[in-house]
Amino acid sequence: MSNIIIYTTAYCPYCVQAKRLLKKKDINFIEIAVDKEPEKRLDMMQKSQRRTVPQIFNGDTHIGDCMELYGFESEGTLDKLLA
């Protein structure tokens, strides 16, 4: 069972695209909006070593950002990463 967490902001088109792909694949996820909870951005940055959103995790495993998510999908490896 996956434990997908996605850090987002409301105004980020890449966040919208990443969530759209997860929904299309019928993957449940927890969304943490760092624009509404700014203290969570520091958590995201410490875990991912990145400042940009979205950042996607399966539990403690960092999946990456939107482009990486779509890259894994095109390679056919995304389902395994999200399982």
PDB file of N, CA and C in Angstrom:
ATOM      1  N   MET A   1       0.839  -1.191   0.000  1.00  0.00           N
ATOM      2  CA  MET A   1       0.000   0.000   0.000  1.00  0.00           C
ATOM      3  C   MET A   1       0.877   1.245   0.000  1.00  0.00           C
ATOM      4  N   SER A   2       0.579   2.161  -0.884  1.00  0.00           N
ATOM      5  CA  SER A   2       1.396   3.357  -1.005  1.00  0.00           C
ATOM      6  C   SER A   2       1.005   4.388   0.050  1.00  0.00           C
ATOM      7  N   ASN A   3       1.955   5.227   0.359  1.00  0.00           N
ATOM      8  CA  ASN A   3       1.770   6.322   1.291  1.00  0.00           C
ATOM      9  C   ASN A   3       2.310   7.573   0.606  1.00  0.00           C
ATOM     10  N   ILE A   4       1.613   8.026  -0.430  1.00  0.00           N
ATOM     11  CA  ILE A   4       2.099   9.109  -1.280  1.00  0.00           C
ATOM     12  C   ILE A   4       1.785  10.460  -0.641  1.00  0.00           C
ATOM     13  N   ILE A   5       2.821  11.275  -0.565  1.00  0.00           N
ATOM     14  CA  ILE A   5       2.699  12.646  -0.073  1.00  0.00           C
ATOM     15  C   ILE A   5       3.215  13.559  -1.170  1.00  0.00           C
ATOM     16  N   ILE A   6       2.444  14.598  -1.468  1.00  0.00           N
ATOM     17  CA  ILE A   6       2.867  15.570  -2.477  1.00  0.00           C
ATOM     18  C   ILE A   6       2.798  16.971  -1.867  1.00  0.00           C
ATOM     19  N   TYR A   7       3.926  17.653  -1.891  1.00  0.00           N
ATOM     20  CA  TYR A   7       4.023  19.036  -1.421  1.00  0.00           C
ATOM     21  C   TYR A   7       3.705  19.941  -2.604  1.00  0.00           C
ATOM     22  N   THR A   8       2.782  20.878  -2.403  1.00  0.00           N
ATOM     23  CA  THR A   8       2.290  21.712  -3.503  1.00  0.00           C
ATOM     24  C   THR A   8       2.115  23.169  -3.080  1.00  0.00           C
ATOM     25  N   THR A   9       1.805  23.989  -4.081  1.00  0.00           N
ATOM     26  CA  THR A   9       1.239  25.321  -3.858  1.00  0.00           C
ATOM     27  C   THR A   9       0.042  25.459  -4.791  1.00  0.00           C
ATOM     28  N   ALA A  10      -0.848  26.356  -4.454  1.00  0.00           N
ATOM     29  CA  ALA A  10      -2.086  26.523  -5.218  1.00  0.00           C
ATOM     30  C   ALA A  10      -1.835  27.071  -6.622  1.00  0.00           C
ATOM     31  N   TYR A  11      -0.792  27.857  -6.807  1.00  0.00           N
ATOM     32  CA  TYR A  11      -0.553  28.555  -8.070  1.00  0.00           C
ATOM     33  C   TYR A  11       0.457  27.845  -8.979  1.00  0.00           C
ATOM     34  N   CYS A  12       0.777  26.603  -8.671  1.00  0.00           N
ATOM     35  CA  CYS A  12       1.822  25.879  -9.409  1.00  0.00           C
ATOM     36  C   CYS A  12       1.221  24.956 -10.466  1.00  0.00           C
ATOM     37  N   PRO A  13       1.457  25.241 -11.752  1.00  0.00           N
ATOM     38  CA  PRO A  13       0.906  24.377 -12.802  1.00  0.00           C
ATOM     39  C   PRO A  13       1.513  22.968 -12.791  1.00  0.00           C
ATOM     40  N   TYR A  14       2.762  22.843 -12.347  1.00  0.00           N
ATOM     41  CA  TYR A  14       3.376  21.521 -12.264  1.00  0.00           C
ATOM     42  C   TYR A  14       2.719  20.677 -11.170  1.00  0.00           C
ATOM     43  N   CYS A  15       2.299  21.324 -10.101  1.00  0.00           N
ATOM     44  CA  CYS A  15       1.576  20.624  -9.033  1.00  0.00           C
ATOM     45  C   CYS A  15       0.256  20.079  -9.569  1.00  0.00           C
ATOM     46  N   VAL A  16      -0.444  20.896 -10.334  1.00  0.00           N
ATOM     47  CA  VAL A  16      -1.710  20.478 -10.932  1.00  0.00           C
ATOM     48  C   VAL A  16      -1.494  19.268 -11.834  1.00  0.00           C
ATOM     49  N   GLN A  17      -0.443  19.301 -12.652  1.00  0.00           N
ATOM     50  CA  GLN A  17      -0.161  18.194 -13.567  1.00  0.00           C
ATOM     51  C   GLN A  17       0.206  16.918 -12.810  1.00  0.00           C
ATOM     52  N   ALA A  18       1.012  17.050 -11.768  1.00  0.00           N
ATOM     53  CA  ALA A  18       1.413  15.872 -10.988  1.00  0.00           C
ATOM     54  C   ALA A  18       0.196  15.248 -10.309  1.00  0.00           C
ATOM     55  N   LYS A  19      -0.655  16.073  -9.716  1.00  0.00           N
ATOM     56  CA  LYS A  19      -1.867  15.551  -9.067  1.00  0.00           C
ATOM     57  C   LYS A  19      -2.799  14.921 -10.095  1.00  0.00           C
ATOM     58  N   ARG A  20      -2.864  15.497 -11.272  1.00  0.00           N
ATOM     59  CA  ARG A  20      -3.712  14.945 -12.330  1.00  0.00           C
ATOM     60  C   ARG A  20      -3.253  13.528 -12.709  1.00  0.00           C
ATOM     61  N   LEU A  21      -1.944  13.337 -12.839  1.00  0.00           N
ATOM     62  CA  LEU A  21      -1.429  12.008 -13.174  1.00  0.00           C
ATOM     63  C   LEU A  21      -1.717  11.010 -12.061  1.00  0.00           C
ATOM     64  N   LEU A  22      -1.515  11.413 -10.822  1.00  0.00           N
ATOM     65  CA  LEU A  22      -1.789  10.501  -9.706  1.00  0.00           C
ATOM     66  C   LEU A  22      -3.270  10.127  -9.661  1.00  0.00           C
ATOM     67  N   LYS A  23      -4.133  11.105  -9.884  1.00  0.00           N
ATOM     68  CA  LYS A  23      -5.570  10.819  -9.891  1.00  0.00           C
ATOM     69  C   LYS A  23      -5.939   9.906 -11.059  1.00  0.00           C
ATOM     70  N   LYS A  24      -5.343  10.141 -12.219  1.00  0.00           N
ATOM     71  CA  LYS A  24      -5.610   9.315 -13.400  1.00  0.00           C
ATOM     72  C   LYS A  24      -5.240   7.852 -13.130  1.00  0.00           C
ATOM     73  N   LYS A  25      -4.163   7.661 -12.371  1.00  0.00           N
ATOM     74  CA  LYS A  25      -3.710   6.318 -12.032  1.00  0.00           C
ATOM     75  C   LYS A  25      -4.430   5.763 -10.805  1.00  0.00           C
ATOM     76  N   ASP A  26      -5.396   6.531 -10.295  1.00  0.00           N
ATOM     77  CA  ASP A  26      -6.193   6.139  -9.126  1.00  0.00           C
ATOM     78  C   ASP A  26      -5.316   5.899  -7.897  1.00  0.00           C
ATOM     79  N   ILE A  27      -4.322   6.783  -7.720  1.00  0.00           N
ATOM     80  CA  ILE A  27      -3.414   6.727  -6.574  1.00  0.00           C
ATOM     81  C   ILE A  27      -3.879   7.757  -5.547  1.00  0.00           C
ATOM     82  N   ASN A  28      -4.180   7.281  -4.348  1.00  0.00           N
ATOM     83  CA  ASN A  28      -4.523   8.193  -3.262  1.00  0.00           C
ATOM     84  C   ASN A  28      -3.259   8.882  -2.765  1.00  0.00           C
ATOM     85  N   PHE A  29      -3.383  10.136  -2.401  1.00  0.00           N
ATOM     86  CA  PHE A  29      -2.229  10.868  -1.903  1.00  0.00           C
ATOM     87  C   PHE A  29      -2.672  11.891  -0.868  1.00  0.00           C
ATOM     88  N   ILE A  30      -1.703  12.274  -0.054  1.00  0.00           N
ATOM     89  CA  ILE A  30      -1.890  13.348   0.921  1.00  0.00           C
ATOM     90  C   ILE A  30      -1.214  14.575   0.337  1.00  0.00           C
ATOM     91  N   GLU A  31      -1.959  15.663   0.252  1.00  0.00           N
ATOM     92  CA  GLU A  31      -1.408  16.909  -0.280  1.00  0.00           C
ATOM     93  C   GLU A  31      -1.070  17.842   0.864  1.00  0.00           C
ATOM     94  N   ILE A  32       0.141  18.348   0.854  1.00  0.00           N
ATOM     95  CA  ILE A  32       0.567  19.344   1.834  1.00  0.00           C
ATOM     96  C   ILE A  32       0.831  20.631   1.069  1.00  0.00           C
ATOM     97  N   ALA A  33      -0.026  21.608   1.290  1.00  0.00           N
ATOM     98  CA  ALA A  33       0.069  22.897   0.594  1.00  0.00           C
ATOM     99  C   ALA A  33       1.000  23.820   1.381  1.00  0.00           C
ATOM    100  N   VAL A  34       2.221  23.967   0.885  1.00  0.00           N
ATOM    101  CA  VAL A  34       3.209  24.753   1.614  1.00  0.00           C
ATOM    102  C   VAL A  34       2.928  26.251   1.565  1.00  0.00           C
ATOM    103  N   ASP A  35       2.047  26.693   0.669  1.00  0.00           N
ATOM    104  CA  ASP A  35       1.661  28.103   0.684  1.00  0.00           C
ATOM    105  C   ASP A  35       0.660  28.373   1.808  1.00  0.00           C
ATOM    106  N   LYS A  36      -0.062  27.356   2.245  1.00  0.00           N
ATOM    107  CA  LYS A  36      -1.006  27.497   3.356  1.00  0.00           C
ATOM    108  C   LYS A  36      -0.382  27.102   4.685  1.00  0.00           C
ATOM    109  N   GLU A  37       0.643  26.255   4.629  1.00  0.00           N
ATOM    110  CA  GLU A  37       1.365  25.811   5.817  1.00  0.00           C
ATOM    111  C   GLU A  37       2.865  26.025   5.582  1.00  0.00           C
ATOM    112  N   PRO A  38       3.326  27.283   5.678  1.00  0.00           N
ATOM    113  CA  PRO A  38       4.711  27.593   5.322  1.00  0.00           C
ATOM    114  C   PRO A  38       5.752  26.814   6.120  1.00  0.00           C
ATOM    115  N   GLU A  39       5.420  26.429   7.341  1.00  0.00           N
ATOM    116  CA  GLU A  39       6.371  25.669   8.151  1.00  0.00           C
ATOM    117  C   GLU A  39       6.657  24.294   7.546  1.00  0.00           C
ATOM    118  N   LYS A  40       5.744  23.787   6.716  1.00  0.00           N
ATOM    119  CA  LYS A  40       5.922  22.487   6.063  1.00  0.00           C
ATOM    120  C   LYS A  40       6.938  22.552   4.921  1.00  0.00           C
ATOM    121  N   ARG A  41       7.186  23.760   4.389  1.00  0.00           N
ATOM    122  CA  ARG A  41       8.171  23.900   3.316  1.00  0.00           C
ATOM    123  C   ARG A  41       9.563  23.501   3.817  1.00  0.00           C
ATOM    124  N   LEU A  42       9.870  23.853   5.042  1.00  0.00           N
ATOM    125  CA  LEU A  42      11.164  23.481   5.614  1.00  0.00           C
ATOM    126  C   LEU A  42      11.285  21.963   5.709  1.00  0.00           C
ATOM    127  N   ASP A  43      10.228  21.292   6.131  1.00  0.00           N
ATOM    128  CA  ASP A  43      10.227  19.822   6.158  1.00  0.00           C
ATOM    129  C   ASP A  43      10.501  19.266   4.764  1.00  0.00           C
ATOM    130  N   MET A  44       9.787  19.812   3.769  1.00  0.00           N
ATOM    131  CA  MET A  44       9.948  19.369   2.385  1.00  0.00           C
ATOM    132  C   MET A  44      11.388  19.561   1.923  1.00  0.00           C
ATOM    133  N   MET A  45      11.960  20.722   2.213  1.00  0.00           N
ATOM    134  CA  MET A  45      13.314  21.029   1.775  1.00  0.00           C
ATOM    135  C   MET A  45      14.336  20.124   2.452  1.00  0.00           C
ATOM    136  N   GLN A  46      14.132  19.823   3.713  1.00  0.00           N
ATOM    137  CA  GLN A  46      15.062  18.936   4.421  1.00  0.00           C
ATOM    138  C   GLN A  46      14.991  17.518   3.859  1.00  0.00           C
ATOM    139  N   LYS A  47      13.784  17.049   3.555  1.00  0.00           N
ATOM    140  CA  LYS A  47      13.611  15.689   3.043  1.00  0.00           C
ATOM    141  C   LYS A  47      14.113  15.543   1.608  1.00  0.00           C
ATOM    142  N   SER A  48      13.843  16.551   0.771  1.00  0.00           N
ATOM    143  CA  SER A  48      14.129  16.423  -0.669  1.00  0.00           C
ATOM    144  C   SER A  48      15.425  17.098  -1.097  1.00  0.00           C
ATOM    145  N   GLN A  49      15.949  17.991  -0.268  1.00  0.00           N
ATOM    146  CA  GLN A  49      17.105  18.814  -0.634  1.00  0.00           C
ATOM    147  C   GLN A  49      16.783  19.714  -1.827  1.00  0.00           C
ATOM    148  N   ARG A  50      15.491  20.052  -1.974  1.00  0.00           N
ATOM    149  CA  ARG A  50      15.035  20.924  -3.059  1.00  0.00           C
ATOM    150  C   ARG A  50      14.078  21.972  -2.504  1.00  0.00           C
ATOM    151  N   ARG A  51      13.963  23.088  -3.233  1.00  0.00           N
ATOM    152  CA  ARG A  51      13.116  24.195  -2.794  1.00  0.00           C
ATOM    153  C   ARG A  51      11.812  24.293  -3.584  1.00  0.00           C
ATOM    154  N   THR A  52      11.756  23.660  -4.740  1.00  0.00           N
ATOM    155  CA  THR A  52      10.621  23.833  -5.635  1.00  0.00           C
ATOM    156  C   THR A  52       9.527  22.807  -5.367  1.00  0.00           C
ATOM    157  N   VAL A  53       8.324  23.150  -5.784  1.00  0.00           N
ATOM    158  CA  VAL A  53       7.197  22.228  -5.711  1.00  0.00           C
ATOM    159  C   VAL A  53       6.785  21.863  -7.126  1.00  0.00           C
ATOM    160  N   PRO A  54       6.163  20.729  -7.308  1.00  0.00           N
ATOM    161  CA  PRO A  54       5.840  19.740  -6.292  1.00  0.00           C
ATOM    162  C   PRO A  54       7.047  18.873  -5.970  1.00  0.00           C
ATOM    163  N   GLN A  55       7.013  18.310  -4.775  1.00  0.00           N
ATOM    164  CA  GLN A  55       7.945  17.258  -4.386  1.00  0.00           C
ATOM    165  C   GLN A  55       7.083  16.094  -3.944  1.00  0.00           C
ATOM    166  N   ILE A  56       7.380  14.918  -4.456  1.00  0.00           N
ATOM    167  CA  ILE A  56       6.522  13.754  -4.270  1.00  0.00           C
ATOM    168  C   ILE A  56       7.313  12.665  -3.557  1.00  0.00           C
ATOM    169  N   PHE A  57       6.681  12.073  -2.561  1.00  0.00           N
ATOM    170  CA  PHE A  57       7.290  11.029  -1.755  1.00  0.00           C
ATOM    171  C   PHE A  57       6.363   9.832  -1.660  1.00  0.00           C
ATOM    172  N   ASN A  58       6.949   8.659  -1.570  1.00  0.00           N
ATOM    173  CA  ASN A  58       6.232   7.448  -1.182  1.00  0.00           C
ATOM    174  C   ASN A  58       6.824   7.058   0.162  1.00  0.00           C
ATOM    175  N   GLY A  59       6.116   7.405   1.233  1.00  0.00           N
ATOM    176  CA  GLY A  59       6.683   7.243   2.574  1.00  0.00           C
ATOM    177  C   GLY A  59       7.890   8.154   2.695  1.00  0.00           C
ATOM    178  N   ASP A  60       9.036   7.555   3.035  1.00  0.00           N
ATOM    179  CA  ASP A  60      10.278   8.327   3.156  1.00  0.00           C
ATOM    180  C   ASP A  60      11.081   8.369   1.859  1.00  0.00           C
ATOM    181  N   THR A  61      10.611   7.670   0.836  1.00  0.00           N
ATOM    182  CA  THR A  61      11.333   7.619  -0.434  1.00  0.00           C
ATOM    183  C   THR A  61      10.940   8.794  -1.319  1.00  0.00           C
ATOM    184  N   HIS A  62      11.925   9.586  -1.690  1.00  0.00           N
ATOM    185  CA  HIS A  62      11.678  10.750  -2.552  1.00  0.00           C
ATOM    186  C   HIS A  62      11.542  10.276  -3.997  1.00  0.00           C
ATOM    187  N   ILE A  63      10.375  10.527  -4.594  1.00  0.00           N
ATOM    188  CA  ILE A  63      10.119  10.172  -5.988  1.00  0.00           C
ATOM    189  C   ILE A  63      10.663  11.260  -6.906  1.00  0.00           C
ATOM    190  N   GLY A  64      10.468  12.515  -6.518  1.00  0.00           N
ATOM    191  CA  GLY A  64      10.968  13.630  -7.319  1.00  0.00           C
ATOM    192  C   GLY A  64       9.902  14.678  -7.548  1.00  0.00           C
ATOM    193  N   ASP A  65      10.060  15.405  -8.642  1.00  0.00           N
ATOM    194  CA  ASP A  65       9.131  16.478  -8.982  1.00  0.00           C
ATOM    195  C   ASP A  65       8.206  16.022 -10.112  1.00  0.00           C
ATOM    196  N   CYS A  66       7.487  16.941 -10.690  1.00  0.00           N
ATOM    197  CA  CYS A  66       6.519  16.612 -11.735  1.00  0.00           C
ATOM    198  C   CYS A  66       7.191  15.989 -12.955  1.00  0.00           C
ATOM    199  N   MET A  67       8.278  16.577 -13.404  1.00  0.00           N
ATOM    200  CA  MET A  67       8.953  16.063 -14.593  1.00  0.00           C
ATOM    201  C   MET A  67       9.489  14.651 -14.357  1.00  0.00           C
ATOM    202  N   GLU A  68      10.009  14.414 -13.179  1.00  0.00           N
ATOM    203  CA  GLU A  68      10.500  13.072 -12.861  1.00  0.00           C
ATOM    204  C   GLU A  68       9.344  12.078 -12.786  1.00  0.00           C
ATOM    205  N   LEU A  69       8.224  12.520 -12.221  1.00  0.00           N
ATOM    206  CA  LEU A  69       7.040  11.664 -12.138  1.00  0.00           C
ATOM    207  C   LEU A  69       6.603  11.224 -13.532  1.00  0.00           C
ATOM    208  N   TYR A  70       6.500  12.177 -14.454  1.00  0.00           N
ATOM    209  CA  TYR A  70       6.111  11.853 -15.829  1.00  0.00           C
ATOM    210  C   TYR A  70       7.190  11.042 -16.540  1.00  0.00           C
ATOM    211  N   GLY A  71       8.447  11.268 -16.201  1.00  0.00           N
ATOM    212  CA  GLY A  71       9.529  10.475 -16.769  1.00  0.00           C
ATOM    213  C   GLY A  71       9.429   9.013 -16.367  1.00  0.00           C
ATOM    214  N   PHE A  72       9.142   8.773 -15.082  1.00  0.00           N
ATOM    215  CA  PHE A  72       8.954   7.398 -14.612  1.00  0.00           C
ATOM    216  C   PHE A  72       7.746   6.757 -15.287  1.00  0.00           C
ATOM    217  N   GLU A  73       6.706   7.555 -15.499  1.00  0.00           N
ATOM    218  CA  GLU A  73       5.511   7.035 -16.171  1.00  0.00           C
ATOM    219  C   GLU A  73       5.845   6.628 -17.602  1.00  0.00           C
ATOM    220  N   SER A  74       6.604   7.456 -18.318  1.00  0.00           N
ATOM    221  CA  SER A  74       6.924   7.127 -19.706  1.00  0.00           C
ATOM    222  C   SER A  74       7.882   5.929 -19.802  1.00  0.00           C
ATOM    223  N   GLU A  75       8.703   5.716 -18.766  1.00  0.00           N
ATOM    224  CA  GLU A  75       9.604   4.559 -18.729  1.00  0.00           C
ATOM    225  C   GLU A  75       8.877   3.278 -18.318  1.00  0.00           C
ATOM    226  N   GLY A  76       7.665   3.446 -17.760  1.00  0.00           N
ATOM    227  CA  GLY A  76       6.927   2.290 -17.286  1.00  0.00           C
ATOM    228  C   GLY A  76       7.315   1.839 -15.889  1.00  0.00           C
ATOM    229  N   THR A  77       8.012   2.689 -15.142  1.00  0.00           N
ATOM    230  CA  THR A  77       8.456   2.313 -13.794  1.00  0.00           C
ATOM    231  C   THR A  77       7.692   3.006 -12.674  1.00  0.00           C
ATOM    232  N   LEU A  78       6.767   3.888 -13.012  1.00  0.00           N
ATOM    233  CA  LEU A  78       6.066   4.661 -11.986  1.00  0.00           C
ATOM    234  C   LEU A  78       5.210   3.775 -11.086  1.00  0.00           C
ATOM    235  N   ASP A  79       4.499   2.832 -11.650  1.00  0.00           N
ATOM    236  CA  ASP A  79       3.629   1.975 -10.835  1.00  0.00           C
ATOM    237  C   ASP A  79       4.420   1.262  -9.746  1.00  0.00           C
ATOM    238  N   LYS A  80       5.603   0.796 -10.076  1.00  0.00           N
ATOM    239  CA  LYS A  80       6.445   0.111  -9.098  1.00  0.00           C
ATOM    240  C   LYS A  80       6.895   1.074  -8.003  1.00  0.00           C
ATOM    241  N   LEU A  81       7.258   2.301  -8.369  1.00  0.00           N
ATOM    242  CA  LEU A  81       7.680   3.300  -7.389  1.00  0.00           C
ATOM    243  C   LEU A  81       6.562   3.693  -6.437  1.00  0.00           C
ATOM    244  N   LEU A  82       5.339   3.691  -6.948  1.00  0.00           N
ATOM    245  CA  LEU A  82       4.209   4.132  -6.131  1.00  0.00           C
ATOM    246  C   LEU A  82       3.552   2.986  -5.356  1.00  0.00           C
ATOM    247  N   ALA A  83       3.952   1.760  -5.641  1.00  0.00           N
ATOM    248  CA  ALA A  83       3.337   0.598  -4.984  1.00  0.00           C
ATOM    249  C   ALA A  83       3.713   0.513  -3.526  1.00  0.00           C
TER     250      ALA A  83
END
